[in-house]
Protein backbone atom coordinates (compact mmCIF):
# COMPACT_ATOMS: atom_id res chain seq x y z
CA MET A 1 0.35 -0.04 -0.15
CA LEU A 2 1.49 3.34 -0.98
CA LYS A 3 2.03 5.96 1.89
CA LEU A 4 2.55 9.01 -0.24
CA TYR A 5 4.27 12.37 0.58
CA GLU A 6 5.48 15.35 -0.75
CA LEU A 7 8.83 17.20 0.19
CA ASN A 8 8.53 20.80 -0.48
CA LEU A 9 11.99 22.43 -0.92
CA ASN A 10 12.19 26.45 -0.90
CA ASN A 11 15.37 28.51 -1.38
CA ILE A 12 17.75 25.70 -0.66
CA GLU A 13 21.46 25.21 -1.43
CA TYR A 14 22.52 22.25 -3.69
CA TRP A 15 25.05 21.17 -6.50
CA LYS A 16 23.60 21.86 -9.82
CA LYS A 17 25.01 19.78 -12.99
CA THR A 18 25.43 22.45 -15.79
CA THR A 19 27.25 23.19 -18.71
CA ASN A 20 30.72 25.37 -18.48
CA THR A 21 30.36 28.06 -21.40
CA LYS A 22 33.38 28.35 -22.08
CA SER A 23 34.57 24.58 -22.22
CA SER A 24 31.43 23.19 -22.98
CA LYS A 25 32.27 20.61 -20.18
CA THR A 26 29.67 19.11 -17.50
CA ILE A 27 30.59 20.71 -14.29
CA PHE A 28 28.65 20.87 -11.07
CA VAL A 29 28.63 24.45 -9.17
CA LYS A 30 26.50 25.47 -6.07
CA ASP A 31 23.13 26.86 -6.77
CA LYS A 32 20.16 27.74 -4.76
CA ILE A 33 16.65 26.49 -6.23
CA ASP A 34 13.65 28.52 -5.08
CA SER A 35 10.98 25.58 -5.43
CA PHE A 36 11.15 21.98 -6.12
CA THR A 37 8.73 19.53 -5.22
CA LEU A 38 10.03 15.64 -4.48
CA PHE A 39 7.18 13.21 -4.92
CA LEU A 40 7.62 10.45 -2.52
CA ASP A 41 6.39 6.53 -1.15
CA ARG A 42 7.55 5.81 2.84
CA LEU A 43 9.02 2.61 2.88
CA GLY A 44 9.47 2.91 6.37
CA ASN A 45 12.95 0.91 7.91
CA PRO A 46 12.67 -2.73 6.51
CA LYS A 47 14.69 -5.25 8.01
CA SER A 48 16.51 -6.40 4.59
CA MET A 49 17.70 -3.14 3.87
CA PRO A 50 20.74 -1.20 5.61
CA LYS A 51 19.47 0.01 9.10
CA THR A 52 18.78 3.88 9.02
CA ASP A 53 18.17 6.38 11.68
CA GLY A 54 15.17 7.87 9.70
CA SER A 55 12.92 6.23 7.07
CA TYR A 56 13.10 5.01 3.44
CA PHE A 57 11.53 6.77 0.71
CA ILE A 58 10.87 5.98 -2.86
CA ASP A 59 10.99 8.82 -5.48
CA LEU A 60 7.95 8.38 -7.47
CA VAL A 61 9.31 9.72 -10.50
CA SER A 62 12.74 8.52 -10.60
CA GLY A 63 12.08 5.43 -8.72
CA ARG A 64 15.69 6.31 -6.57
CA VAL A 65 15.51 5.18 -2.95
CA ILE A 66 16.54 8.04 -0.28
CA SER A 67 16.60 8.02 3.70
CA LEU A 68 14.80 10.97 5.47
CA LEU A 69 16.30 11.67 9.25
CA GLU A 70 14.01 13.58 11.20
CA GLU A 71 15.19 16.30 13.50
CA VAL A 72 13.06 18.48 16.30
CA ASP A 73 12.40 20.83 13.29
CA PHE A 74 13.79 19.53 10.23
CA VAL A 75 14.09 16.54 8.44
CA VAL A 76 17.44 15.89 6.79
CA ILE A 77 17.60 14.02 3.03
CA GLU A 78 20.37 11.47 2.79
CA PRO A 79 22.91 10.78 1.65
CA SER A 80 22.95 14.49 0.32
CA GLY A 81 22.43 16.31 4.14
CA ILE A 82 20.25 18.79 2.97
CA ARG A 83 18.23 20.24 5.49
CA VAL A 84 14.16 20.76 5.14
CA GLU A 85 12.20 22.10 7.53
CA LYS A 86 9.87 19.23 8.67
CA ALA A 87 6.61 21.06 7.69
CA ASN A 88 7.28 20.68 4.62
CA LEU A 89 7.40 17.27 4.32
CA THR A 90 3.12 16.69 4.16
CA LYS A 91 0.99 13.66 3.34
CA ASN A 92 -0.97 14.07 -0.01
CA SER A 93 -3.39 11.53 -1.80
CA LYS A 94 -2.95 13.27 -5.09
CA THR A 95 0.91 12.97 -4.71
CA LEU A 96 0.42 9.84 -7.29
CA ASP A 97 -1.58 11.80 -9.67
CA LYS A 98 0.72 14.75 -9.31
CA ALA A 99 3.92 12.07 -9.97
CA ILE A 100 2.15 11.28 -13.24
CA LYS A 101 1.88 14.49 -14.35
CA VAL A 102 5.55 15.18 -14.19
CA LEU A 103 6.46 12.04 -16.02
CA LYS A 104 4.49 12.91 -19.03
CA GLN A 105 5.23 16.60 -18.58
CA ASN A 106 8.64 17.71 -17.30
CA TYR A 107 10.43 13.79 -16.55
CA LYS A 108 13.73 14.84 -17.65
CA GLN A 109 13.99 17.99 -16.04
CA TYR A 110 12.80 16.34 -12.66
CA ILE A 111 15.44 13.53 -13.23
CA SER A 112 17.78 15.81 -13.25
CA THR A 113 17.21 18.34 -10.48
CA SER A 114 16.10 15.62 -8.09
CA GLU A 115 19.49 13.45 -9.14
CA ASP A 116 21.53 16.46 -7.82
CA ILE A 117 19.39 17.11 -4.61
CA GLU A 118 19.27 13.47 -3.74
CA TYR A 119 22.69 12.17 -4.42
CA ASN A 120 25.19 14.54 -6.35
CA THR A 121 25.55 16.93 -3.92
CA TYR A 122 26.93 14.37 -1.18
CA PHE A 123 29.67 13.47 -3.76
CA CYS A 124 30.24 17.53 -4.72
CA ASN A 125 30.57 17.93 -0.98
CA LYS A 126 32.90 15.65 -0.05
CA ILE A 127 35.05 16.48 -3.10
CA ALA A 128 34.48 20.27 -2.42
CA LEU A 129 35.86 19.77 1.01
CA ARG A 130 39.06 17.68 0.22
CA GLU A 131 40.01 19.75 -3.20
CA SER A 132 39.03 23.27 -1.76
CA ILE A 133 37.06 23.68 -5.28
CA ASP A 134 34.16 25.48 -5.91
CA GLU A 135 33.66 24.11 -9.87
CA ILE A 136 33.58 20.24 -10.03
CA PRO A 137 34.17 18.62 -13.36
CA LEU A 138 31.70 15.65 -14.10
CA GLU A 139 34.42 13.03 -13.94
CA LEU A 140 35.45 14.00 -10.49
CA VAL A 141 32.10 12.92 -9.55
CA ASN A 142 31.88 9.69 -11.36
CA GLN A 143 34.92 8.83 -9.87
CA GLU A 144 33.71 9.57 -6.61
CA ILE A 145 30.87 7.38 -7.03
CA ILE A 146 32.87 4.46 -8.33
CA ASN A 147 34.99 4.85 -5.31
CA VAL A 148 32.13 4.73 -2.89
CA ARG A 149 30.48 1.67 -4.44
CA LYS A 150 33.69 -0.12 -4.27
CA ASP A 151 34.19 0.56 -0.56
CA TYR A 152 30.96 -0.25 -0.12
CA GLU A 153 31.39 -3.68 -2.06
CA GLU A 154 34.52 -4.78 0.12
CA SER A 155 32.59 -4.26 3.49
CA GLN A 156 29.87 -6.44 2.03
CA ASN A 157 32.08 -9.17 1.05
CA TYR A 158 34.11 -8.95 4.42
CA VAL A 159 30.91 -9.74 6.39
CA GLU A 160 29.58 -12.60 3.99
CA LYS A 161 32.77 -14.40 5.15
CA PHE A 162 31.62 -14.52 8.77
CA TYR A 163 27.69 -14.66 8.00
CA LYS A 164 25.79 -17.29 6.48
CA THR A 165 22.14 -17.00 5.99
CA THR A 166 19.21 -19.53 4.96
CA PHE A 167 18.31 -18.99 1.14
CA SER A 168 16.50 -15.42 1.71
CA PRO A 169 14.18 -13.68 -0.46
CA TYR A 170 17.21 -11.23 -1.60
CA ASP A 171 18.91 -14.79 -2.54
CA PHE A 172 16.08 -15.94 -4.39
CA MET A 173 15.53 -12.44 -6.68
CA CYS A 174 19.41 -12.60 -7.29
CA LEU A 175 19.13 -15.93 -8.73
CA PHE A 176 15.91 -15.71 -9.93
CA THR A 177 17.37 -12.32 -12.01
CA ALA A 178 20.48 -14.35 -12.98
CA ILE A 179 18.88 -16.80 -14.48
CA ASN A 180 16.21 -14.92 -16.36
CA VAL A 181 19.01 -12.86 -17.69
CA SER A 182 21.20 -15.62 -18.99
CA GLN A 183 18.22 -16.72 -20.78
CA LYS A 184 17.50 -13.25 -22.67
CA ASN A 185 14.52 -12.75 -20.39
CA LEU A 186 14.92 -9.15 -19.64
CA VAL A 187 11.27 -8.60 -18.17
CA PHE A 188 8.99 -10.01 -15.70
CA ASN A 189 5.91 -9.44 -13.86
CA ARG A 190 5.66 -8.88 -10.19
CA ASN A 191 1.97 -10.01 -9.81
CA SER A 192 2.15 -13.54 -11.65
CA LEU A 193 5.34 -14.39 -9.76
CA ILE A 194 3.87 -13.77 -6.53
CA LYS A 195 0.62 -15.60 -7.87
CA PHE A 196 3.05 -18.51 -8.91
CA ILE A 197 4.56 -18.18 -5.74
CA ARG A 198 1.16 -19.28 -3.96
CA SER A 199 0.42 -21.81 -6.11
CA CYS A 200 3.71 -23.36 -5.20
CA LYS A 201 3.19 -22.66 -1.68
CA ASN A 202 -0.06 -24.57 -1.61
CA ASN A 203 1.40 -27.49 -3.43
CA ASN A 204 4.31 -27.73 -1.35
CA GLN A 205 6.69 -27.02 -4.43
CA PHE A 206 10.07 -25.72 -4.35
CA SER A 207 10.08 -25.15 -0.57
CA GLU A 208 13.69 -24.61 -0.34
CA LEU A 209 13.35 -21.81 -2.46
CA LEU A 210 10.23 -20.30 -1.01
CA ASN A 211 10.29 -20.87 2.48
CA ASP A 212 11.53 -17.23 3.56
CA ILE A 213 9.38 -15.62 0.96
CA HIS A 214 6.08 -14.80 3.39
CA LEU A 215 3.07 -14.11 1.24
CA LYS A 216 0.25 -11.91 2.94
CA ASN A 217 -3.44 -11.18 1.63
CA ASN A 218 -5.20 -8.16 2.19
CA GLY A 219 -8.48 -9.59 1.09
CA ILE A 220 -8.28 -8.76 -2.66
CA PHE A 221 -4.94 -9.78 -3.95
CA ASP A 222 -1.62 -11.59 -2.27
CA TYR A 223 1.61 -9.56 -1.65
CA SER A 224 5.00 -10.09 0.27
CA ASP A 225 6.71 -7.25 1.96
CA ASN A 226 9.98 -8.97 2.03
CA LEU A 227 10.14 -10.10 -1.80
CA ASP A 228 9.58 -6.46 -2.72
CA GLU A 229 12.27 -5.77 -0.14
CA ALA A 230 14.45 -7.68 -1.90
CA ILE A 231 13.36 -6.20 -5.11
CA GLN A 232 13.69 -2.73 -4.24
CA LYS A 233 17.36 -3.73 -3.48
CA LEU A 234 18.32 -4.62 -6.63
CA LYS A 235 16.79 -1.46 -7.95
CA ILE A 236 19.00 0.41 -5.64
CA ALA A 237 22.20 -1.81 -6.92
CA GLY A 238 21.33 -0.48 -10.59
CA ILE A 239 20.05 -4.21 -11.71
CA LEU A 240 16.15 -3.96 -11.36
CA TYR A 241 13.94 -0.91 -12.90
CA THR A 242 10.58 -0.07 -13.73
CA ILE A 243 9.20 2.43 -16.23
CA SER A 244 6.59 4.30 -14.18
CA PRO A 245 4.32 3.90 -11.07
CA GLU A 246 1.50 3.51 -13.79
CA SER A 247 3.63 0.19 -14.54
CA ASP A 248 5.11 -0.91 -11.69
CA ALA A 249 3.99 -4.56 -11.46
CA SER A 250 6.74 -4.92 -14.82
CA ILE A 251 10.01 -5.31 -13.56
CA TYR A 252 12.81 -4.91 -16.14
CA ILE A 253 16.50 -6.21 -15.79
CA PHE A 254 19.31 -4.40 -17.40
CA GLU A 255 20.97 -6.27 -20.33
CA ASN A 256 24.60 -5.56 -19.03
CA THR A 257 23.87 -7.24 -15.41
CA SER A 258 26.71 -9.09 -14.05
CA MET A 259 25.48 -12.75 -13.43
CA ALA A 260 28.76 -13.64 -11.53
CA LYS A 261 28.17 -11.53 -8.98
CA LEU A 262 24.14 -12.49 -8.66
CA ILE A 263 25.08 -16.44 -8.78
CA LYS A 264 28.23 -16.34 -6.29
CA ASN A 265 27.49 -18.30 -2.75
CA ARG A 266 23.88 -19.62 -4.31
CA LEU A 267 25.17 -22.17 -6.80
CA ASP A 268 23.58 -24.78 -4.64
CA TYR A 269 20.09 -23.76 -5.64
CA PHE A 270 20.85 -22.98 -9.21
CA ASP A 271 18.99 -25.93 -10.54
CA GLU A 272 16.11 -26.02 -8.47
CA MET A 273 15.53 -22.04 -9.55
CA THR A 274 15.84 -22.96 -13.59
CA SER A 275 13.38 -25.46 -12.91
CA PHE A 276 11.23 -23.14 -10.91
CA ILE A 277 11.71 -20.64 -14.04
CA GLY A 278 10.63 -23.07 -16.26
CA ASN A 279 7.80 -23.80 -14.42
CA TYR A 280 6.49 -20.25 -13.70
CA GLU A 281 7.04 -19.26 -17.66
CA LYS A 282 4.62 -22.41 -18.48
CA TYR A 283 2.48 -20.71 -15.52
CA VAL A 284 2.12 -17.37 -17.27
CA SER A 285 1.60 -18.78 -20.70
CA ASP A 286 -1.35 -20.96 -19.58
CA MET A 287 -2.58 -17.78 -17.70
CA PHE A 288 -2.54 -15.96 -21.37
CA CYS A 289 -4.07 -18.31 -22.89
CA GLN A 290 -7.24 -18.48 -20.40
CA ILE A 291 -7.82 -14.86 -20.83
CA HIS A 292 -7.78 -15.00 -24.46
CA GLN A 293 -9.86 -17.98 -24.39
CA GLN A 294 -12.29 -16.26 -22.24
CA GLU A 295 -12.05 -12.69 -24.19
CA GLU A 296 -13.12 -14.95 -27.46
CA LYS A 297 -16.10 -16.42 -25.48
CA ASP A 298 -16.80 -13.03 -24.38
CA THR A 299 -16.52 -11.41 -27.71
CA ALA A 300 -19.11 -14.34 -29.35
CA ILE A 301 -21.49 -13.68 -26.69
CA SER A 302 -21.67 -10.00 -27.31
CA CYS A 303 -21.68 -10.83 -31.40
CA LYS A 304 -25.14 -13.01 -30.67
CA ALA A 305 -26.50 -10.59 -28.37
CA LEU A 306 -25.95 -7.45 -31.22
CA GLU A 307 -27.70 -10.29 -33.76
CA ARG A 308 -30.75 -10.81 -31.59
CA LEU A 309 -31.08 -7.03 -31.24
CA LYS A 310 -30.75 -6.35 -35.28
CA LYS A 311 -33.85 -8.98 -35.56
């Protein structure tokens, strides 16, 4: 269920990506924005994601994840460190409609500005403090991002040496993604995947893969918080993505995704996951056939009804 918020940014300082008029090179310079609004969905603080002292939010337009730390009178956008008055963070039932409007009318501008506010400002502040410069080339920022990612991966590898878990929902999504990439399947439907998982659980199939994926039901359809958290982690890592909030059930996989990292330490489950995917593809195919057959029946009934009316 979406928990929609708007964060109104008024008169804030940030590092803006722009072009040097003399050299025509892309640079970052400090700037002040009079008014800008981030459209957010609150995730909270899921156990499967790195612990934060605030709450995680998804930017509804860009799909990026940020954390908002709460102080007495302010919230702090992490990682950028930009402080905003707490009164500017408000719930709004029409936030999704506004985000969709931005997607249709002002997508590129929003993506660029929000990236500078949410992420690039963090890297630029680090560089500016270290190098004592007020005009930062794009190359320096890109290198800083690479260094931060490398440090994060090294720390994760260190932790993995001393900590072993069962086959978690995150393991499931990593292996599921890797095998799909190897088979050139670069899109899957989250809703049909959850329906198939429910079917497997009901029939005690693929228990080793699905044991830690917990399904809930809101009276209308099944959903899984921990599977959604795993999908979100892979989005943060730049492996999965969605086109827009309107079609967020369709999950896409970047074609250049490295299989080695996703398969690492999960080889014992490779064959079973391959079998699971084969059965899932048949399930989806059968489901589409049933829908098509029902549509044909409905069309035939409608035609007969029209014929009777003509008589």
